[in-house]
Amino acid sequence: MAADWLRNKGFNILHTNWRYSYYEIDIIADDGETLHFIEVKTRTTQLFGDPEDDVTDKKINDLMTAAEEYMERNPIPHAADTIPQVQYDVLCVTLIDDNEPEYYFVEDVYLY
């Protein structure tokens, strides 16, 4: 469902559930300019908050660790004088009862 939503937004899905050791990247996609490493969080109730509330510093660090390994194994083609664009994102999906799914896309997540 998340991959379909991203495709409808113009993303090219490269991998889903890509694994390295005990790390996992839910979706790896590109939009023609940027390589996106996407964590997907889903909630079926709001009793415990919004899906994005579940994204911890550790989870983002794990996502970045797995992304580094992915890029080591799959170098991004780019001109010699440019740095390839890489972005870490979170796609939040809320599925409550028979309502239409709600999507909230948090782009370019950084840790400070």
PDB file of N, CA and C in Angstrom:
ATOM      1  N   MET A   1       0.816  -1.177   0.000  1.00  0.00           N
ATOM      2  CA  MET A   1       0.000   0.000   0.000  1.00  0.00           C
ATOM      3  C   MET A   1       0.877   1.266   0.000  1.00  0.00           C
ATOM      4  N   ALA A   2       1.902   1.271   0.842  1.00  0.00           N
ATOM      5  CA  ALA A   2       2.801   2.420   0.908  1.00  0.00           C
ATOM      6  C   ALA A   2       3.558   2.589  -0.409  1.00  0.00           C
ATOM      7  N   ALA A   3       4.029   1.478  -0.972  1.00  0.00           N
ATOM      8  CA  ALA A   3       4.750   1.541  -2.248  1.00  0.00           C
ATOM      9  C   ALA A   3       3.836   2.050  -3.360  1.00  0.00           C
ATOM     10  N   ASP A   4       2.607   1.610  -3.370  1.00  0.00           N
ATOM     11  CA  ASP A   4       1.654   2.091  -4.383  1.00  0.00           C
ATOM     12  C   ASP A   4       1.421   3.595  -4.234  1.00  0.00           C
ATOM     13  N   TRP A   5       1.293   4.077  -3.011  1.00  0.00           N
ATOM     14  CA  TRP A   5       1.086   5.502  -2.770  1.00  0.00           C
ATOM     15  C   TRP A   5       2.278   6.296  -3.312  1.00  0.00           C
ATOM     16  N   LEU A   6       3.493   5.799  -3.036  1.00  0.00           N
ATOM     17  CA  LEU A   6       4.691   6.479  -3.519  1.00  0.00           C
ATOM     18  C   LEU A   6       4.765   6.453  -5.051  1.00  0.00           C
ATOM     19  N   ARG A   7       4.421   5.316  -5.656  1.00  0.00           N
ATOM     20  CA  ARG A   7       4.402   5.244  -7.129  1.00  0.00           C
ATOM     21  C   ARG A   7       3.455   6.294  -7.706  1.00  0.00           C
ATOM     22  N   ASN A   8       2.294   6.427  -7.087  1.00  0.00           N
ATOM     23  CA  ASN A   8       1.318   7.431  -7.546  1.00  0.00           C
ATOM     24  C   ASN A   8       1.839   8.859  -7.386  1.00  0.00           C
ATOM     25  N   LYS A   9       2.811   9.052  -6.526  1.00  0.00           N
ATOM     26  CA  LYS A   9       3.428  10.370  -6.327  1.00  0.00           C
ATOM     27  C   LYS A   9       4.652  10.554  -7.230  1.00  0.00           C
ATOM     28  N   GLY A  10       4.942   9.571  -8.092  1.00  0.00           N
ATOM     29  CA  GLY A  10       6.036   9.708  -9.045  1.00  0.00           C
ATOM     30  C   GLY A  10       7.342   9.039  -8.662  1.00  0.00           C
ATOM     31  N   PHE A  11       7.338   8.271  -7.589  1.00  0.00           N
ATOM     32  CA  PHE A  11       8.550   7.580  -7.177  1.00  0.00           C
ATOM     33  C   PHE A  11       8.726   6.275  -7.957  1.00  0.00           C
ATOM     34  N   ASN A  12       9.964   5.928  -8.215  1.00  0.00           N
ATOM     35  CA  ASN A  12      10.320   4.637  -8.787  1.00  0.00           C
ATOM     36  C   ASN A  12      10.787   3.757  -7.624  1.00  0.00           C
ATOM     37  N   ILE A  13      10.072   2.696  -7.341  1.00  0.00           N
ATOM     38  CA  ILE A  13      10.413   1.819  -6.219  1.00  0.00           C
ATOM     39  C   ILE A  13      11.531   0.876  -6.661  1.00  0.00           C
ATOM     40  N   LEU A  14      12.663   0.946  -5.977  1.00  0.00           N
ATOM     41  CA  LEU A  14      13.816   0.101  -6.299  1.00  0.00           C
ATOM     42  C   LEU A  14      13.811  -1.189  -5.483  1.00  0.00           C
ATOM     43  N   HIS A  15      13.482  -1.071  -4.202  1.00  0.00           N
ATOM     44  CA  HIS A  15      13.461  -2.237  -3.304  1.00  0.00           C
ATOM     45  C   HIS A  15      12.430  -2.015  -2.207  1.00  0.00           C
ATOM     46  N   THR A  16      11.867  -3.111  -1.739  1.00  0.00           N
ATOM     47  CA  THR A  16      11.065  -3.081  -0.521  1.00  0.00           C
ATOM     48  C   THR A  16      11.656  -4.107   0.432  1.00  0.00           C
ATOM     49  N   ASN A  17      11.655  -3.766   1.701  1.00  0.00           N
ATOM     50  CA  ASN A  17      12.173  -4.648   2.757  1.00  0.00           C
ATOM     51  C   ASN A  17      13.603  -5.111   2.487  1.00  0.00           C
ATOM     52  N   TRP A  18      14.456  -4.173   2.083  1.00  0.00           N
ATOM     53  CA  TRP A  18      15.860  -4.483   1.828  1.00  0.00           C
ATOM     54  C   TRP A  18      16.570  -4.707   3.154  1.00  0.00           C
ATOM     55  N   ARG A  19      17.313  -5.819   3.257  1.00  0.00           N
ATOM     56  CA  ARG A  19      17.934  -6.196   4.526  1.00  0.00           C
ATOM     57  C   ARG A  19      19.454  -6.200   4.441  1.00  0.00           C
ATOM     58  N   TYR A  20      20.039  -5.774   5.548  1.00  0.00           N
ATOM     59  CA  TYR A  20      21.475  -5.873   5.766  1.00  0.00           C
ATOM     60  C   TYR A  20      21.655  -6.231   7.236  1.00  0.00           C
ATOM     61  N   SER A  21      22.232  -7.392   7.496  1.00  0.00           N
ATOM     62  CA  SER A  21      22.389  -7.880   8.856  1.00  0.00           C
ATOM     63  C   SER A  21      21.016  -7.859   9.540  1.00  0.00           C
ATOM     64  N   TYR A  22      20.878  -7.201  10.676  1.00  0.00           N
ATOM     65  CA  TYR A  22      19.563  -7.133  11.319  1.00  0.00           C
ATOM     66  C   TYR A  22      18.854  -5.813  11.024  1.00  0.00           C
ATOM     67  N   TYR A  23      19.402  -5.032  10.113  1.00  0.00           N
ATOM     68  CA  TYR A  23      18.780  -3.772   9.700  1.00  0.00           C
ATOM     69  C   TYR A  23      17.847  -4.008   8.516  1.00  0.00           C
ATOM     70  N   GLU A  24      16.857  -3.155   8.397  1.00  0.00           N
ATOM     71  CA  GLU A  24      15.936  -3.249   7.259  1.00  0.00           C
ATOM     72  C   GLU A  24      15.526  -1.843   6.820  1.00  0.00           C
ATOM     73  N   ILE A  25      15.462  -1.683   5.503  1.00  0.00           N
ATOM     74  CA  ILE A  25      14.932  -0.451   4.927  1.00  0.00           C
ATOM     75  C   ILE A  25      13.604  -0.825   4.295  1.00  0.00           C
ATOM     76  N   ASP A  26      12.538  -0.189   4.736  1.00  0.00           N
ATOM     77  CA  ASP A  26      11.211  -0.554   4.241  1.00  0.00           C
ATOM     78  C   ASP A  26      11.081  -0.317   2.745  1.00  0.00           C
ATOM     79  N   ILE A  27      11.470   0.863   2.286  1.00  0.00           N
ATOM     80  CA  ILE A  27      11.370   1.174   0.853  1.00  0.00           C
ATOM     81  C   ILE A  27      12.581   1.995   0.436  1.00  0.00           C
ATOM     82  N   ILE A  28      13.163   1.601  -0.688  1.00  0.00           N
ATOM     83  CA  ILE A  28      14.203   2.395  -1.335  1.00  0.00           C
ATOM     84  C   ILE A  28      13.620   2.815  -2.673  1.00  0.00           C
ATOM     85  N   ALA A  29      13.623   4.121  -2.921  1.00  0.00           N
ATOM     86  CA  ALA A  29      12.986   4.649  -4.133  1.00  0.00           C
ATOM     87  C   ALA A  29      13.796   5.820  -4.662  1.00  0.00           C
ATOM     88  N   ASP A  30      13.536   6.164  -5.914  1.00  0.00           N
ATOM     89  CA  ASP A  30      14.108   7.405  -6.432  1.00  0.00           C
ATOM     90  C   ASP A  30      13.025   8.184  -7.157  1.00  0.00           C
ATOM     91  N   ASP A  31      13.263   9.475  -7.232  1.00  0.00           N
ATOM     92  CA  ASP A  31      12.296  10.358  -7.894  1.00  0.00           C
ATOM     93  C   ASP A  31      12.916  11.034  -9.113  1.00  0.00           C
ATOM     94  N   GLY A  32      14.019  10.470  -9.589  1.00  0.00           N
ATOM     95  CA  GLY A  32      14.716  11.024 -10.739  1.00  0.00           C
ATOM     96  C   GLY A  32      15.848  11.956 -10.361  1.00  0.00           C
ATOM     97  N   GLU A  33      15.817  12.464  -9.147  1.00  0.00           N
ATOM     98  CA  GLU A  33      16.860  13.383  -8.680  1.00  0.00           C
ATOM     99  C   GLU A  33      17.512  12.916  -7.383  1.00  0.00           C
ATOM    100  N   THR A  34      16.755  12.226  -6.557  1.00  0.00           N
ATOM    101  CA  THR A  34      17.198  11.877  -5.211  1.00  0.00           C
ATOM    102  C   THR A  34      16.907  10.417  -4.924  1.00  0.00           C
ATOM    103  N   LEU A  35      17.838   9.766  -4.212  1.00  0.00           N
ATOM    104  CA  LEU A  35      17.621   8.406  -3.727  1.00  0.00           C
ATOM    105  C   LEU A  35      17.010   8.522  -2.339  1.00  0.00           C
ATOM    106  N   HIS A  36      15.840   7.915  -2.143  1.00  0.00           N
ATOM    107  CA  HIS A  36      15.095   8.012  -0.892  1.00  0.00           C
ATOM    108  C   HIS A  36      15.145   6.685  -0.135  1.00  0.00           C
ATOM    109  N   PHE A  37      15.516   6.765   1.130  1.00  0.00           N
ATOM    110  CA  PHE A  37      15.446   5.624   2.041  1.00  0.00           C
ATOM    111  C   PHE A  37      14.279   5.926   2.969  1.00  0.00           C
ATOM    112  N   ILE A  38      13.251   5.068   2.910  1.00  0.00           N
ATOM    113  CA  ILE A  38      11.975   5.410   3.534  1.00  0.00           C
ATOM    114  C   ILE A  38      11.585   4.389   4.608  1.00  0.00           C
ATOM    115  N   GLU A  39      11.334   4.901   5.787  1.00  0.00           N
ATOM    116  CA  GLU A  39      10.790   4.109   6.890  1.00  0.00           C
ATOM    117  C   GLU A  39       9.277   4.272   6.851  1.00  0.00           C
ATOM    118  N   VAL A  40       8.557   3.165   6.896  1.00  0.00           N
ATOM    119  CA  VAL A  40       7.095   3.205   6.872  1.00  0.00           C
ATOM    120  C   VAL A  40       6.584   2.833   8.261  1.00  0.00           C
ATOM    121  N   LYS A  41       5.716   3.669   8.804  1.00  0.00           N
ATOM    122  CA  LYS A  41       5.076   3.407  10.091  1.00  0.00           C
ATOM    123  C   LYS A  41       3.570   3.444   9.896  1.00  0.00           C
ATOM    124  N   THR A  42       2.894   2.436  10.434  1.00  0.00           N
ATOM    125  CA  THR A  42       1.448   2.312  10.267  1.00  0.00           C
ATOM    126  C   THR A  42       0.782   2.189  11.633  1.00  0.00           C
ATOM    127  N   ARG A  43      -0.374   2.795  11.744  1.00  0.00           N
ATOM    128  CA  ARG A  43      -1.192   2.665  12.950  1.00  0.00           C
ATOM    129  C   ARG A  43      -2.616   2.316  12.543  1.00  0.00           C
ATOM    130  N   THR A  44      -3.252   1.458  13.334  1.00  0.00           N
ATOM    131  CA  THR A  44      -4.652   1.112  13.105  1.00  0.00           C
ATOM    132  C   THR A  44      -5.552   1.687  14.205  1.00  0.00           C
ATOM    133  N   THR A  45      -4.945   2.390  15.133  1.00  0.00           N
ATOM    134  CA  THR A  45      -5.680   3.069  16.193  1.00  0.00           C
ATOM    135  C   THR A  45      -4.876   4.289  16.625  1.00  0.00           C
ATOM    136  N   GLN A  46      -5.532   5.268  17.175  1.00  0.00           N
ATOM    137  CA  GLN A  46      -4.812   6.442  17.659  1.00  0.00           C
ATOM    138  C   GLN A  46      -4.627   6.409  19.173  1.00  0.00           C
ATOM    139  N   LEU A  47      -4.888   5.252  19.766  1.00  0.00           N
ATOM    140  CA  LEU A  47      -4.722   5.114  21.212  1.00  0.00           C
ATOM    141  C   LEU A  47      -3.289   5.361  21.649  1.00  0.00           C
ATOM    142  N   PHE A  48      -2.327   5.062  20.780  1.00  0.00           N
ATOM    143  CA  PHE A  48      -0.917   5.180  21.134  1.00  0.00           C
ATOM    144  C   PHE A  48      -0.230   6.317  20.380  1.00  0.00           C
ATOM    145  N   GLY A  49      -1.005   7.238  19.843  1.00  0.00           N
ATOM    146  CA  GLY A  49      -0.440   8.372  19.132  1.00  0.00           C
ATOM    147  C   GLY A  49      -0.411   8.155  17.634  1.00  0.00           C
ATOM    148  N   ASP A  50       0.268   9.051  16.960  1.00  0.00           N
ATOM    149  CA  ASP A  50       0.388   9.000  15.507  1.00  0.00           C
ATOM    150  C   ASP A  50       1.531   8.073  15.100  1.00  0.00           C
ATOM    151  N   PRO A  51       1.517   7.589  13.864  1.00  0.00           N
ATOM    152  CA  PRO A  51       2.584   6.682  13.428  1.00  0.00           C
ATOM    153  C   PRO A  51       3.978   7.281  13.581  1.00  0.00           C
ATOM    154  N   GLU A  52       4.113   8.580  13.299  1.00  0.00           N
ATOM    155  CA  GLU A  52       5.436   9.202  13.380  1.00  0.00           C
ATOM    156  C   GLU A  52       5.990   9.245  14.799  1.00  0.00           C
ATOM    157  N   ASP A  53       5.113   9.070  15.800  1.00  0.00           N
ATOM    158  CA  ASP A  53       5.569   9.032  17.186  1.00  0.00           C
ATOM    159  C   ASP A  53       6.435   7.812  17.462  1.00  0.00           C
ATOM    160  N   ASP A  54       6.340   6.807  16.612  1.00  0.00           N
ATOM    161  CA  ASP A  54       7.097   5.567  16.776  1.00  0.00           C
ATOM    162  C   ASP A  54       8.487   5.623  16.149  1.00  0.00           C
ATOM    163  N   VAL A  55       8.826   6.695  15.489  1.00  0.00           N
ATOM    164  CA  VAL A  55      10.125   6.800  14.830  1.00  0.00           C
ATOM    165  C   VAL A  55      11.121   7.388  15.823  1.00  0.00           C
ATOM    166  N   THR A  56      11.989   6.542  16.319  1.00  0.00           N
ATOM    167  CA  THR A  56      12.959   6.934  17.336  1.00  0.00           C
ATOM    168  C   THR A  56      14.286   7.332  16.695  1.00  0.00           C
ATOM    169  N   ASP A  57      15.139   7.967  17.483  1.00  0.00           N
ATOM    170  CA  ASP A  57      16.493   8.281  17.021  1.00  0.00           C
ATOM    171  C   ASP A  57      17.217   6.999  16.605  1.00  0.00           C
ATOM    172  N   LYS A  58      17.040   5.935  17.382  1.00  0.00           N
ATOM    173  CA  LYS A  58      17.681   4.652  17.054  1.00  0.00           C
ATOM    174  C   LYS A  58      17.207   4.134  15.706  1.00  0.00           C
ATOM    175  N   LYS A  59      15.927   4.248  15.438  1.00  0.00           N
ATOM    176  CA  LYS A  59      15.382   3.767  14.166  1.00  0.00           C
ATOM    177  C   LYS A  59      15.980   4.537  12.996  1.00  0.00           C
ATOM    178  N   ILE A  60      16.077   5.843  13.121  1.00  0.00           N
ATOM    179  CA  ILE A  60      16.664   6.650  12.050  1.00  0.00           C
ATOM    180  C   ILE A  60      18.143   6.319  11.897  1.00  0.00           C
ATOM    181  N   ASN A  61      18.856   6.148  13.011  1.00  0.00           N
ATOM    182  CA  ASN A  61      20.265   5.746  12.927  1.00  0.00           C
ATOM    183  C   ASN A  61      20.421   4.391  12.250  1.00  0.00           C
ATOM    184  N   ASP A  62      19.541   3.451  12.565  1.00  0.00           N
ATOM    185  CA  ASP A  62      19.569   2.136  11.912  1.00  0.00           C
ATOM    186  C   ASP A  62      19.293   2.277  10.414  1.00  0.00           C
ATOM    187  N   LEU A  63      18.335   3.137  10.064  1.00  0.00           N
ATOM    188  CA  LEU A  63      18.017   3.383   8.663  1.00  0.00           C
ATOM    189  C   LEU A  63      19.247   3.933   7.937  1.00  0.00           C
ATOM    190  N   MET A  64      19.944   4.865   8.564  1.00  0.00           N
ATOM    191  CA  MET A  64      21.133   5.463   7.962  1.00  0.00           C
ATOM    192  C   MET A  64      22.264   4.446   7.835  1.00  0.00           C
ATOM    193  N   THR A  65      22.416   3.569   8.817  1.00  0.00           N
ATOM    194  CA  THR A  65      23.444   2.524   8.756  1.00  0.00           C
ATOM    195  C   THR A  65      23.172   1.580   7.590  1.00  0.00           C
ATOM    196  N   ALA A  66      21.927   1.150   7.462  1.00  0.00           N
ATOM    197  CA  ALA A  66      21.559   0.253   6.368  1.00  0.00           C
ATOM    198  C   ALA A  66      21.723   0.961   5.019  1.00  0.00           C
ATOM    199  N   ALA A  67      21.369   2.244   4.969  1.00  0.00           N
ATOM    200  CA  ALA A  67      21.498   3.007   3.723  1.00  0.00           C
ATOM    201  C   ALA A  67      22.961   3.116   3.301  1.00  0.00           C
ATOM    202  N   GLU A  68      23.862   3.312   4.256  1.00  0.00           N
ATOM    203  CA  GLU A  68      25.296   3.370   3.931  1.00  0.00           C
ATOM    204  C   GLU A  68      25.750   2.058   3.301  1.00  0.00           C
ATOM    205  N   GLU A  69      25.301   0.948   3.851  1.00  0.00           N
ATOM    206  CA  GLU A  69      25.661  -0.359   3.286  1.00  0.00           C
ATOM    207  C   GLU A  69      25.053  -0.535   1.902  1.00  0.00           C
ATOM    208  N   TYR A  70      23.810  -0.115   1.738  1.00  0.00           N
ATOM    209  CA  TYR A  70      23.159  -0.205   0.425  1.00  0.00           C
ATOM    210  C   TYR A  70      23.972   0.569  -0.612  1.00  0.00           C
ATOM    211  N   MET A  71      24.382   1.783  -0.268  1.00  0.00           N
ATOM    212  CA  MET A  71      25.133   2.609  -1.216  1.00  0.00           C
ATOM    213  C   MET A  71      26.522   2.040  -1.487  1.00  0.00           C
ATOM    214  N   GLU A  72      27.099   1.375  -0.491  1.00  0.00           N
ATOM    215  CA  GLU A  72      28.390   0.701  -0.698  1.00  0.00           C
ATOM    216  C   GLU A  72      28.237  -0.426  -1.717  1.00  0.00           C
ATOM    217  N   ARG A  73      27.164  -1.163  -1.599  1.00  0.00           N
ATOM    218  CA  ARG A  73      26.906  -2.290  -2.510  1.00  0.00           C
ATOM    219  C   ARG A  73      26.334  -1.845  -3.858  1.00  0.00           C
ATOM    220  N   ASN A  74      25.684  -0.708  -3.894  1.00  0.00           N
ATOM    221  CA  ASN A  74      25.018  -0.194  -5.105  1.00  0.00           C
ATOM    222  C   ASN A  74      25.406   1.262  -5.309  1.00  0.00           C
ATOM    223  N   PRO A  75      26.616   1.514  -5.788  1.00  0.00           N
ATOM    224  CA  PRO A  75      27.052   2.912  -5.949  1.00  0.00           C
ATOM    225  C   PRO A  75      26.083   3.706  -6.827  1.00  0.00           C
ATOM    226  N   ILE A  76      25.864   4.939  -6.428  1.00  0.00           N
ATOM    227  CA  ILE A  76      24.952   5.819  -7.158  1.00  0.00           C
ATOM    228  C   ILE A  76      25.749   6.490  -8.278  1.00  0.00           C
ATOM    229  N   PRO A  77      25.330   6.302  -9.528  1.00  0.00           N
ATOM    230  CA  PRO A  77      26.056   6.981 -10.606  1.00  0.00           C
ATOM    231  C   PRO A  77      25.858   8.498 -10.517  1.00  0.00           C
ATOM    232  N   HIS A  78      26.953   9.222 -10.660  1.00  0.00           N
ATOM    233  CA  HIS A  78      26.881  10.679 -10.639  1.00  0.00           C
ATOM    234  C   HIS A  78      28.127  11.250 -11.295  1.00  0.00           C
ATOM    235  N   ALA A  79      28.042  12.498 -11.665  1.00  0.00           N
ATOM    236  CA  ALA A  79      29.188  13.174 -12.260  1.00  0.00           C
ATOM    237  C   ALA A  79      30.298  13.287 -11.220  1.00  0.00           C
ATOM    238  N   ALA A  80      31.531  13.280 -11.690  1.00  0.00           N
ATOM    239  CA  ALA A  80      32.680  13.277 -10.787  1.00  0.00           C
ATOM    240  C   ALA A  80      32.720  14.474  -9.847  1.00  0.00           C
ATOM    241  N   ASP A  81      32.163  15.584 -10.266  1.00  0.00           N
ATOM    242  CA  ASP A  81      32.237  16.790  -9.438  1.00  0.00           C
ATOM    243  C   ASP A  81      30.961  17.058  -8.640  1.00  0.00           C
ATOM    244  N   THR A  82      30.072  16.074  -8.556  1.00  0.00           N
ATOM    245  CA  THR A  82      28.840  16.256  -7.791  1.00  0.00           C
ATOM    246  C   THR A  82      28.694  15.183  -6.725  1.00  0.00           C
ATOM    247  N   ILE A  83      27.941  15.497  -5.727  1.00  0.00           N
ATOM    248  CA  ILE A  83      27.622  14.532  -4.674  1.00  0.00           C
ATOM    249  C   ILE A  83      26.199  14.058  -4.929  1.00  0.00           C
ATOM    250  N   PRO A  84      25.975  12.744  -4.963  1.00  0.00           N
ATOM    251  CA  PRO A  84      24.607  12.272  -5.215  1.00  0.00           C
ATOM    252  C   PRO A  84      23.656  12.696  -4.093  1.00  0.00           C
ATOM    253  N   GLN A  85      22.425  12.984  -4.458  1.00  0.00           N
ATOM    254  CA  GLN A  85      21.412  13.380  -3.492  1.00  0.00           C
ATOM    255  C   GLN A  85      20.839  12.137  -2.821  1.00  0.00           C
ATOM    256  N   VAL A  86      20.855  12.129  -1.501  1.00  0.00           N
ATOM    257  CA  VAL A  86      20.302  11.038  -0.705  1.00  0.00           C
ATOM    258  C   VAL A  86      19.410  11.674   0.347  1.00  0.00           C
ATOM    259  N   GLN A  87      18.279  11.034   0.599  1.00  0.00           N
ATOM    260  CA  GLN A  87      17.332  11.598   1.558  1.00  0.00           C
ATOM    261  C   GLN A  87      16.735  10.477   2.398  1.00  0.00           C
ATOM    262  N   TYR A  88      16.519  10.765   3.675  1.00  0.00           N
ATOM    263  CA  TYR A  88      15.879   9.826   4.603  1.00  0.00           C
ATOM    264  C   TYR A  88      14.493  10.367   4.916  1.00  0.00           C
ATOM    265  N   ASP A  89      13.480   9.527   4.690  1.00  0.00           N
ATOM    266  CA  ASP A  89      12.093   9.955   4.833  1.00  0.00           C
ATOM    267  C   ASP A  89      11.316   8.972   5.709  1.00  0.00           C
ATOM    268  N   VAL A  90      10.166   9.431   6.185  1.00  0.00           N
ATOM    269  CA  VAL A  90       9.241   8.575   6.930  1.00  0.00           C
ATOM    270  C   VAL A  90       7.865   8.724   6.299  1.00  0.00           C
ATOM    271  N   LEU A  91       7.267   7.595   5.939  1.00  0.00           N
ATOM    272  CA  LEU A  91       5.901   7.588   5.418  1.00  0.00           C
ATOM    273  C   LEU A  91       4.999   7.011   6.496  1.00  0.00           C
ATOM    274  N   CYS A  92       4.081   7.843   6.979  1.00  0.00           N
ATOM    275  CA  CYS A  92       3.164   7.438   8.040  1.00  0.00           C
ATOM    276  C   CYS A  92       1.809   7.115   7.419  1.00  0.00           C
ATOM    277  N   VAL A  93       1.266   5.957   7.808  1.00  0.00           N
ATOM    278  CA  VAL A  93      -0.015   5.517   7.278  1.00  0.00           C
ATOM    279  C   VAL A  93      -0.937   5.233   8.462  1.00  0.00           C
ATOM    280  N   THR A  94      -2.125   5.830   8.420  1.00  0.00           N
ATOM    281  CA  THR A  94      -3.116   5.584   9.465  1.00  0.00           C
ATOM    282  C   THR A  94      -4.299   4.860   8.836  1.00  0.00           C
ATOM    283  N   LEU A  95      -4.605   3.692   9.379  1.00  0.00           N
ATOM    284  CA  LEU A  95      -5.714   2.856   8.904  1.00  0.00           C
ATOM    285  C   LEU A  95      -6.671   2.642  10.061  1.00  0.00           C
ATOM    286  N   ILE A  96      -7.756   3.377  10.069  1.00  0.00           N
ATOM    287  CA  ILE A  96      -8.719   3.259  11.167  1.00  0.00           C
ATOM    288  C   ILE A  96     -10.061   2.807  10.607  1.00  0.00           C
ATOM    289  N   ASP A  97     -10.514   1.670  11.112  1.00  0.00           N
ATOM    290  CA  ASP A  97     -11.791   1.088  10.714  1.00  0.00           C
ATOM    291  C   ASP A  97     -11.895   0.994   9.190  1.00  0.00           C
ATOM    292  N   ASP A  98     -13.013   1.410   8.642  1.00  0.00           N
ATOM    293  CA  ASP A  98     -13.229   1.327   7.193  1.00  0.00           C
ATOM    294  C   ASP A  98     -12.938   2.644   6.484  1.00  0.00           C
ATOM    295  N   ASN A  99     -12.286   3.569   7.169  1.00  0.00           N
ATOM    296  CA  ASN A  99     -11.954   4.853   6.563  1.00  0.00           C
ATOM    297  C   ASN A  99     -10.850   4.689   5.521  1.00  0.00           C
ATOM    298  N   GLU A 100     -10.788   5.641   4.613  1.00  0.00           N
ATOM    299  CA  GLU A 100      -9.700   5.664   3.642  1.00  0.00           C
ATOM    300  C   GLU A 100      -8.375   5.817   4.391  1.00  0.00           C
ATOM    301  N   PRO A 101      -7.317   5.158   3.927  1.00  0.00           N
ATOM    302  CA  PRO A 101      -6.010   5.350   4.577  1.00  0.00           C
ATOM    303  C   PRO A 101      -5.585   6.813   4.511  1.00  0.00           C
ATOM    304  N   GLU A 102      -4.942   7.274   5.572  1.00  0.00           N
ATOM    305  CA  GLU A 102      -4.383   8.620   5.600  1.00  0.00           C
ATOM    306  C   GLU A 102      -2.871   8.499   5.539  1.00  0.00           C
ATOM    307  N   TYR A 103      -2.248   9.313   4.682  1.00  0.00           N
ATOM    308  CA  TYR A 103      -0.802   9.285   4.491  1.00  0.00           C
ATOM    309  C   TYR A 103      -0.209  10.626   4.917  1.00  0.00           C
ATOM    310  N   TYR A 104       0.913  10.546   5.577  1.00  0.00           N
ATOM    311  CA  TYR A 104       1.658  11.733   5.986  1.00  0.00           C
ATOM    312  C   TYR A 104       3.121  11.440   5.686  1.00  0.00           C
ATOM    313  N   PHE A 105       3.700  12.194   4.754  1.00  0.00           N
ATOM    314  CA  PHE A 105       5.061  11.947   4.287  1.00  0.00           C
ATOM    315  C   PHE A 105       5.997  12.988   4.879  1.00  0.00           C
ATOM    316  N   VAL A 106       6.902  12.528   5.731  1.00  0.00           N
ATOM    317  CA  VAL A 106       7.884  13.404   6.373  1.00  0.00           C
ATOM    318  C   VAL A 106       9.183  13.255   5.581  1.00  0.00           C
ATOM    319  N   GLU A 107       9.523  14.290   4.838  1.00  0.00           N
ATOM    320  CA  GLU A 107      10.703  14.224   3.983  1.00  0.00           C
ATOM    321  C   GLU A 107      11.937  14.802   4.658  1.00  0.00           C
ATOM    322  N   ASP A 108      13.072  14.228   4.279  1.00  0.00           N
ATOM    323  CA  ASP A 108      14.373  14.760   4.640  1.00  0.00           C
ATOM    324  C   ASP A 108      14.549  14.842   6.160  1.00  0.00           C
ATOM    325  N   VAL A 109      14.443  13.717   6.822  1.00  0.00           N
ATOM    326  CA  VAL A 109      14.570  13.622   8.269  1.00  0.00           C
ATOM    327  C   VAL A 109      16.056  13.644   8.634  1.00  0.00           C
ATOM    328  N   TYR A 110      16.408  14.498   9.551  1.00  0.00           N
ATOM    329  CA  TYR A 110      17.791  14.583  10.046  1.00  0.00           C
ATOM    330  C   TYR A 110      17.786  14.458  11.558  1.00  0.00           C
ATOM    331  N   LEU A 111      18.902  13.979  12.082  1.00  0.00           N
ATOM    332  CA  LEU A 111      19.088  13.926  13.538  1.00  0.00           C
ATOM    333  C   LEU A 111      20.096  14.991  13.927  1.00  0.00           C
ATOM    334  N   TYR A 112      19.857  15.637  15.018  1.00  0.00           N
ATOM    335  CA  TYR A 112      20.807  16.635  15.518  1.00  0.00           C
ATOM    336  C   TYR A 112      21.355  16.201  16.841  1.00  0.00           C
TER     337      TYR A 112
END
